[in-house]
Structures are given as structure tokens and as C-alpha cells.
Amino acid sequence: MEKIIKLGTDPVPLDSFKKARIDEGGEFRATTYLDFVNPEKNSYKKVLLEEQFYLCAYCNKLLSEENLHHLKIEHWYPQSLCKKDANYKTINAADILHSNMLLVCNGESVNPKYRHCDSSRTPKKMLTIKPQDSGYSFDLFLRYEGGKLISSDHDINIDIKELNLNHEDLMYKRRIVLDQFRKILLSLNRNSINKVALLKKYSNPNSEGRKAQYCTLILNEIKKIK
């Protein structure tokens, strides 16, 4: 779960949507997330995609703009709780707050056992882990043991289960990526391995603005190099 740095102001698509909800008298009409529709909504998804370096906010699967219609906007603070807030239906409501919205993969499966990310999340369940929080860092809260994501924090381990981030298919895909990276390391002369360069490569996006799929897994492995 990579750290997400949110823009300090509303991105253009979200800002345009909110401004369009102002009536002739300058008052903000009662508005909820359900009023946020295309084309602004798809444009906003593109903003989130770039903001997250094309990674799912939770599982860090690589996302594609070509599949934008399959990607979902996730509310870290659940919409079911937003409805109970005093400022619900206002311009400052959490359900249309940029800092509360993340882009996630479809996470769906015919088999409920394999549903993950927001598709497996209980609608009213609050999470402890918050990748867009300024104080969040992967190393501070999480680590990998092989392809398994774990934490020393009891509540975060509950989040991992809630988001089903260790179901067998996800762990299998992570192990493939890990095995491929280990093979690359084995093919190199041990003295020629530049740990600093590897950390830089997998910590930053490429020229197309994308980070490597499961980059936190690879970084976790690089940091073990002596």
C-alpha cells in the first residue's frame, strides 16, 4: 500500500462539478456524491490515476486508463457515515472531499473468496490504515513476508483482512513479481548491485508517470540487500 500524496486543492474536474452546483443566487444546491457523473467523474478518475502513479490505492495493482470505466472511486471515510454528518449535502461534505476519495481496482470476482480492496469492505467499516495521510509510510506500518502483507499493529492486520489483501490469488501474483526480481538479482554480480539506484528506481515513477506494480514489495526486498 503505497503512500498517496493528495493535491491540496480540488482538481479541476471536481472543482468544476462543485461550481456547477451553485444556483443563480450564489447558493450551493444540496449535493451528494451521487450527483457527480460523467464527464467530470471520468476526468476526475484520470486525475486520481495520475495522483496515485497508476496504482490501486489498496493492493497496488497497476491500473490502466484504457480500463477507466472498470475502476472505482473509493471513499476512505465511508459514504454510509458521510450521510450522518452535519455537513452532508454541502460543499464541504466528506463524500465529495478530494482527500477522502481514492482510486481502486475493480476487486470483483464471481467467487466472494477473491473479492478484495473496496469490493470486500464492509460499508460502515472504518479503516485504521490511511495511505493518503501525511504521517503514513509503508515501512512504518507494513511489511512483507514472502508474498504476504503483514503488520505489527493489530488494527491494521484487521484492515488487511477487511480488504482481503492476502487472498491466495493476490499473494500468488506478488510471489511471481518477487521471484522475477530475485532472478534479476541472481543474474548480477553481487558487487555490481547498486542498492541506492534500485531504491531510487522503484520509489519513483517512470517517464510515463507510472510506478512499478507492487513496488512496495520490491522495495521491501531491496532493503534486505546487505
Protein backbone atom coordinates (compact mmCIF):
# COMPACT_ATOMS: atom_id res chain seq x y z
CA MET A 1 0.00 0.00 0.00
CA GLU A 2 1.97 2.94 -1.36
CA LYS A 3 1.76 6.41 0.17
CA ILE A 4 -0.59 8.76 -1.69
CA ILE A 5 0.10 12.49 -1.71
CA LYS A 6 -3.17 14.31 -2.28
CA LEU A 7 -3.41 17.67 -4.02
CA GLY A 8 -4.09 20.48 -1.56
CA THR A 9 -6.94 21.91 -3.64
CA ASP A 10 -9.78 20.35 -5.60
CA PRO A 11 -8.60 19.11 -9.02
CA VAL A 12 -10.25 20.84 -11.99
CA PRO A 13 -12.96 18.17 -12.65
CA LEU A 14 -14.10 18.16 -9.01
CA ASP A 15 -13.89 21.93 -8.75
CA SER A 16 -15.94 22.33 -11.96
CA PHE A 17 -18.56 19.93 -10.62
CA LYS A 18 -18.91 21.88 -7.38
CA LYS A 19 -19.09 25.25 -9.13
CA ALA A 20 -21.84 23.91 -11.40
CA ARG A 21 -23.90 23.18 -8.28
CA ILE A 22 -24.11 26.87 -7.36
CA ASP A 23 -27.51 28.35 -8.21
CA GLU A 24 -28.28 31.80 -9.65
CA GLY A 25 -28.42 33.27 -6.17
CA GLY A 26 -24.89 32.09 -5.43
CA GLU A 27 -26.07 29.35 -3.06
CA PHE A 28 -24.70 25.82 -3.17
CA ARG A 29 -27.52 23.42 -4.02
CA ALA A 30 -27.95 20.28 -1.91
CA THR A 31 -25.37 17.93 -3.41
CA THR A 32 -24.07 14.42 -2.81
CA TYR A 33 -21.56 12.14 -4.50
CA LEU A 34 -24.43 10.60 -6.48
CA ASP A 35 -24.70 13.89 -8.38
CA PHE A 36 -21.09 13.53 -9.53
CA VAL A 37 -21.46 11.99 -13.00
CA ASN A 38 -19.63 11.88 -16.34
CA PRO A 39 -17.89 13.56 -18.00
CA GLU A 40 -16.49 15.21 -14.84
CA LYS A 41 -16.39 11.91 -12.96
CA ASN A 42 -14.25 10.14 -15.58
CA SER A 43 -11.97 13.17 -15.81
CA TYR A 44 -11.60 13.04 -12.04
CA LYS A 45 -10.69 9.34 -12.22
CA LYS A 46 -7.84 10.29 -14.57
CA VAL A 47 -6.61 12.81 -12.00
CA LEU A 48 -6.67 10.16 -9.27
CA LEU A 49 -4.91 7.71 -11.59
CA GLU A 50 -2.04 10.15 -12.12
CA GLU A 51 -2.00 11.18 -8.46
CA GLN A 52 -1.54 7.53 -7.44
CA PHE A 53 1.02 6.82 -10.17
CA TYR A 54 -1.39 4.32 -11.78
CA LEU A 55 -1.56 2.05 -8.73
CA CYS A 56 -4.64 0.82 -6.89
CA ALA A 57 -4.79 2.65 -3.56
CA TYR A 58 -5.00 -0.60 -1.59
CA CYS A 59 -3.49 -3.61 -3.40
CA ASN A 60 -1.06 -1.61 -5.59
CA LYS A 61 -2.08 -3.44 -8.75
CA LEU A 62 -1.09 -1.48 -11.85
CA LEU A 63 -4.12 0.32 -13.29
CA SER A 64 -4.79 1.39 -16.86
CA GLU A 65 -6.55 4.40 -18.31
CA GLU A 66 -7.97 2.11 -21.01
CA ASN A 67 -9.99 0.34 -18.29
CA LEU A 68 -11.11 3.55 -16.59
CA HIS A 69 -14.77 2.51 -16.69
CA HIS A 70 -13.93 -0.55 -14.57
CA LEU A 71 -12.03 1.42 -11.93
CA LYS A 72 -13.86 2.68 -8.86
CA ILE A 73 -13.72 5.76 -6.68
CA GLU A 74 -13.41 4.61 -3.10
CA HIS A 75 -14.36 6.71 -0.08
CA TRP A 76 -11.88 6.10 2.72
CA TYR A 77 -14.41 7.56 5.15
CA PRO A 78 -17.49 5.53 4.11
CA GLN A 79 -20.39 7.16 2.30
CA SER A 80 -22.76 5.49 4.76
CA LEU A 81 -21.14 7.54 7.54
CA CYS A 82 -20.96 10.71 5.44
CA LYS A 83 -24.77 10.71 5.35
CA LYS A 84 -24.84 11.09 9.13
CA ASP A 85 -22.54 14.11 9.22
CA ALA A 86 -24.00 17.55 9.94
CA ASN A 87 -22.48 18.99 6.75
CA TYR A 88 -23.85 16.26 4.46
CA LYS A 89 -25.14 17.64 1.13
CA THR A 90 -22.95 20.74 1.48
CA ILE A 91 -19.85 21.77 -0.46
CA ASN A 92 -17.64 20.60 2.44
CA ALA A 93 -19.22 17.16 2.85
CA ALA A 94 -16.82 14.22 3.11
CA ASP A 95 -18.46 12.31 0.24
CA ILE A 96 -17.23 14.96 -2.24
CA LEU A 97 -13.98 15.77 -0.44
CA HIS A 98 -10.87 15.16 -2.55
CA SER A 99 -8.78 13.98 0.40
CA ASN A 100 -11.38 11.28 1.08
CA MET A 101 -11.51 9.81 -2.43
CA LEU A 102 -9.13 7.18 -3.77
CA LEU A 103 -9.00 5.17 -6.99
CA VAL A 104 -9.13 1.39 -6.63
CA CYS A 105 -9.18 -1.63 -8.89
CA ASN A 106 -12.41 -3.42 -9.65
CA GLY A 107 -11.63 -6.02 -6.98
CA GLU A 108 -14.61 -8.09 -8.04
CA SER A 109 -14.83 -11.82 -8.51
CA VAL A 110 -17.58 -14.33 -9.12
CA ASN A 111 -16.13 -16.11 -6.11
CA PRO A 112 -16.59 -13.94 -2.96
CA LYS A 113 -13.41 -15.53 -1.62
CA TYR A 114 -11.36 -13.48 -4.10
CA ARG A 115 -13.07 -10.11 -3.73
CA HIS A 116 -10.67 -7.51 -2.43
CA CYS A 117 -10.00 -3.81 -1.84
CA ASP A 118 -13.28 -1.87 -1.53
CA SER A 119 -15.24 -4.80 -3.04
CA SER A 120 -14.69 -6.82 0.13
CA ARG A 121 -15.02 -3.90 2.55
CA THR A 122 -17.97 -3.71 4.93
CA PRO A 123 -19.88 -0.49 4.01
CA LYS A 124 -19.75 1.05 7.50
CA LYS A 125 -16.30 -0.26 8.49
CA MET A 126 -13.74 2.42 9.30
CA LEU A 127 -10.13 1.63 8.44
CA THR A 128 -7.10 2.36 10.59
CA ILE A 129 -4.68 2.42 7.68
CA LYS A 130 -4.85 5.62 5.65
CA PRO A 131 -2.44 5.75 2.68
CA GLN A 132 -3.24 9.41 1.95
CA ASP A 133 -2.41 10.54 5.49
CA SER A 134 0.61 12.84 5.76
CA GLY A 135 2.07 10.66 8.53
CA TYR A 136 1.72 7.40 6.60
CA SER A 137 4.67 5.44 5.27
CA PHE A 138 4.70 1.79 4.23
CA ASP A 139 7.76 0.92 6.33
CA LEU A 140 6.19 2.42 9.43
CA PHE A 141 3.08 0.24 9.36
CA LEU A 142 3.56 -2.68 6.98
CA ARG A 143 5.98 -5.27 5.69
CA TYR A 144 6.01 -8.40 3.54
CA GLU A 145 6.92 -11.93 4.43
CA GLY A 146 7.26 -13.53 1.03
CA GLY A 147 4.10 -12.52 -0.79
CA LYS A 148 2.12 -11.95 2.40
CA LEU A 149 1.34 -8.46 3.66
CA ILE A 150 1.51 -8.12 7.44
CA SER A 151 1.69 -5.53 10.20
CA SER A 152 2.79 -5.40 13.82
CA ASP A 153 -0.33 -3.34 14.50
CA HIS A 154 -3.38 -5.42 15.43
CA ASP A 155 -5.88 -2.95 13.95
CA ILE A 156 -4.02 -2.74 10.66
CA ASN A 157 -3.98 -6.52 10.40
CA ILE A 158 -7.77 -6.32 10.74
CA ASP A 159 -7.76 -3.83 7.83
CA ILE A 160 -5.71 -6.25 5.74
CA LYS A 161 -8.35 -8.91 6.34
CA GLU A 162 -11.17 -6.45 5.70
CA LEU A 163 -9.68 -5.53 2.32
CA ASN A 164 -8.76 -9.19 1.69
CA LEU A 165 -5.23 -8.21 0.66
CA ASN A 166 -3.82 -11.66 1.37
CA HIS A 167 -6.19 -13.84 -0.59
CA GLU A 168 -4.36 -16.61 -2.45
CA ASP A 169 -4.62 -15.09 -5.94
CA LEU A 170 -3.12 -11.75 -4.84
CA MET A 171 -0.33 -13.48 -2.92
CA TYR A 172 0.38 -15.67 -5.96
CA LYS A 173 0.72 -12.60 -8.20
CA ARG A 174 3.01 -10.93 -5.67
CA ARG A 175 5.19 -14.05 -5.44
CA ILE A 176 5.58 -14.06 -9.23
CA VAL A 177 6.78 -10.44 -9.17
CA LEU A 178 9.08 -11.21 -6.24
CA ASP A 179 10.55 -14.31 -7.92
CA GLN A 180 11.19 -12.35 -11.12
CA PHE A 181 13.02 -9.65 -9.20
CA ARG A 182 15.09 -12.19 -7.28
CA LYS A 183 16.13 -13.81 -10.57
CA ILE A 184 17.32 -10.42 -11.80
CA LEU A 185 19.43 -10.01 -8.66
CA LEU A 186 20.88 -13.51 -9.01
CA SER A 187 21.90 -12.74 -12.60
CA LEU A 188 24.00 -9.81 -11.41
CA ASN A 189 27.46 -9.85 -9.91
CA ARG A 190 26.89 -9.24 -6.20
CA ASN A 191 29.48 -6.45 -6.18
CA SER A 192 27.72 -4.72 -9.08
CA ILE A 193 24.35 -4.40 -7.32
CA ASN A 194 23.69 -0.72 -6.67
CA LYS A 195 21.22 -0.69 -3.79
CA VAL A 196 20.78 3.08 -3.88
CA ALA A 197 19.98 3.04 -7.60
CA LEU A 198 17.47 0.21 -7.15
CA LEU A 199 15.74 2.04 -4.30
CA LYS A 200 15.51 5.15 -6.46
CA LYS A 201 14.15 3.20 -9.44
CA TYR A 202 11.34 1.51 -7.52
CA SER A 203 10.50 4.52 -5.34
CA ASN A 204 9.83 6.80 -8.28
CA PRO A 205 7.52 6.74 -11.31
CA ASN A 206 8.89 6.08 -14.78
CA SER A 207 8.83 8.58 -17.65
CA GLU A 208 5.12 7.81 -18.20
CA GLY A 209 4.23 8.65 -14.60
CA ARG A 210 3.75 5.03 -13.54
CA LYS A 211 5.26 3.25 -10.57
CA ALA A 212 6.05 -0.46 -10.78
CA GLN A 213 3.24 -2.84 -9.88
CA TYR A 214 3.64 -3.99 -6.24
CA CYS A 215 6.56 -1.56 -5.88
CA THR A 216 6.36 -1.72 -2.08
CA LEU A 217 7.02 -5.47 -2.31
CA ILE A 218 10.15 -4.90 -4.41
CA LEU A 219 11.35 -2.09 -2.15
CA ASN A 220 10.83 -4.36 0.84
CA GLU A 221 13.14 -6.90 -0.85
CA ILE A 222 15.76 -4.33 -1.88
CA LYS A 223 16.10 -3.10 1.70
CA LYS A 224 17.15 -6.62 2.72
CA ILE A 225 20.23 -6.46 0.49
CA LYS A 226 23.39 -6.31 2.60
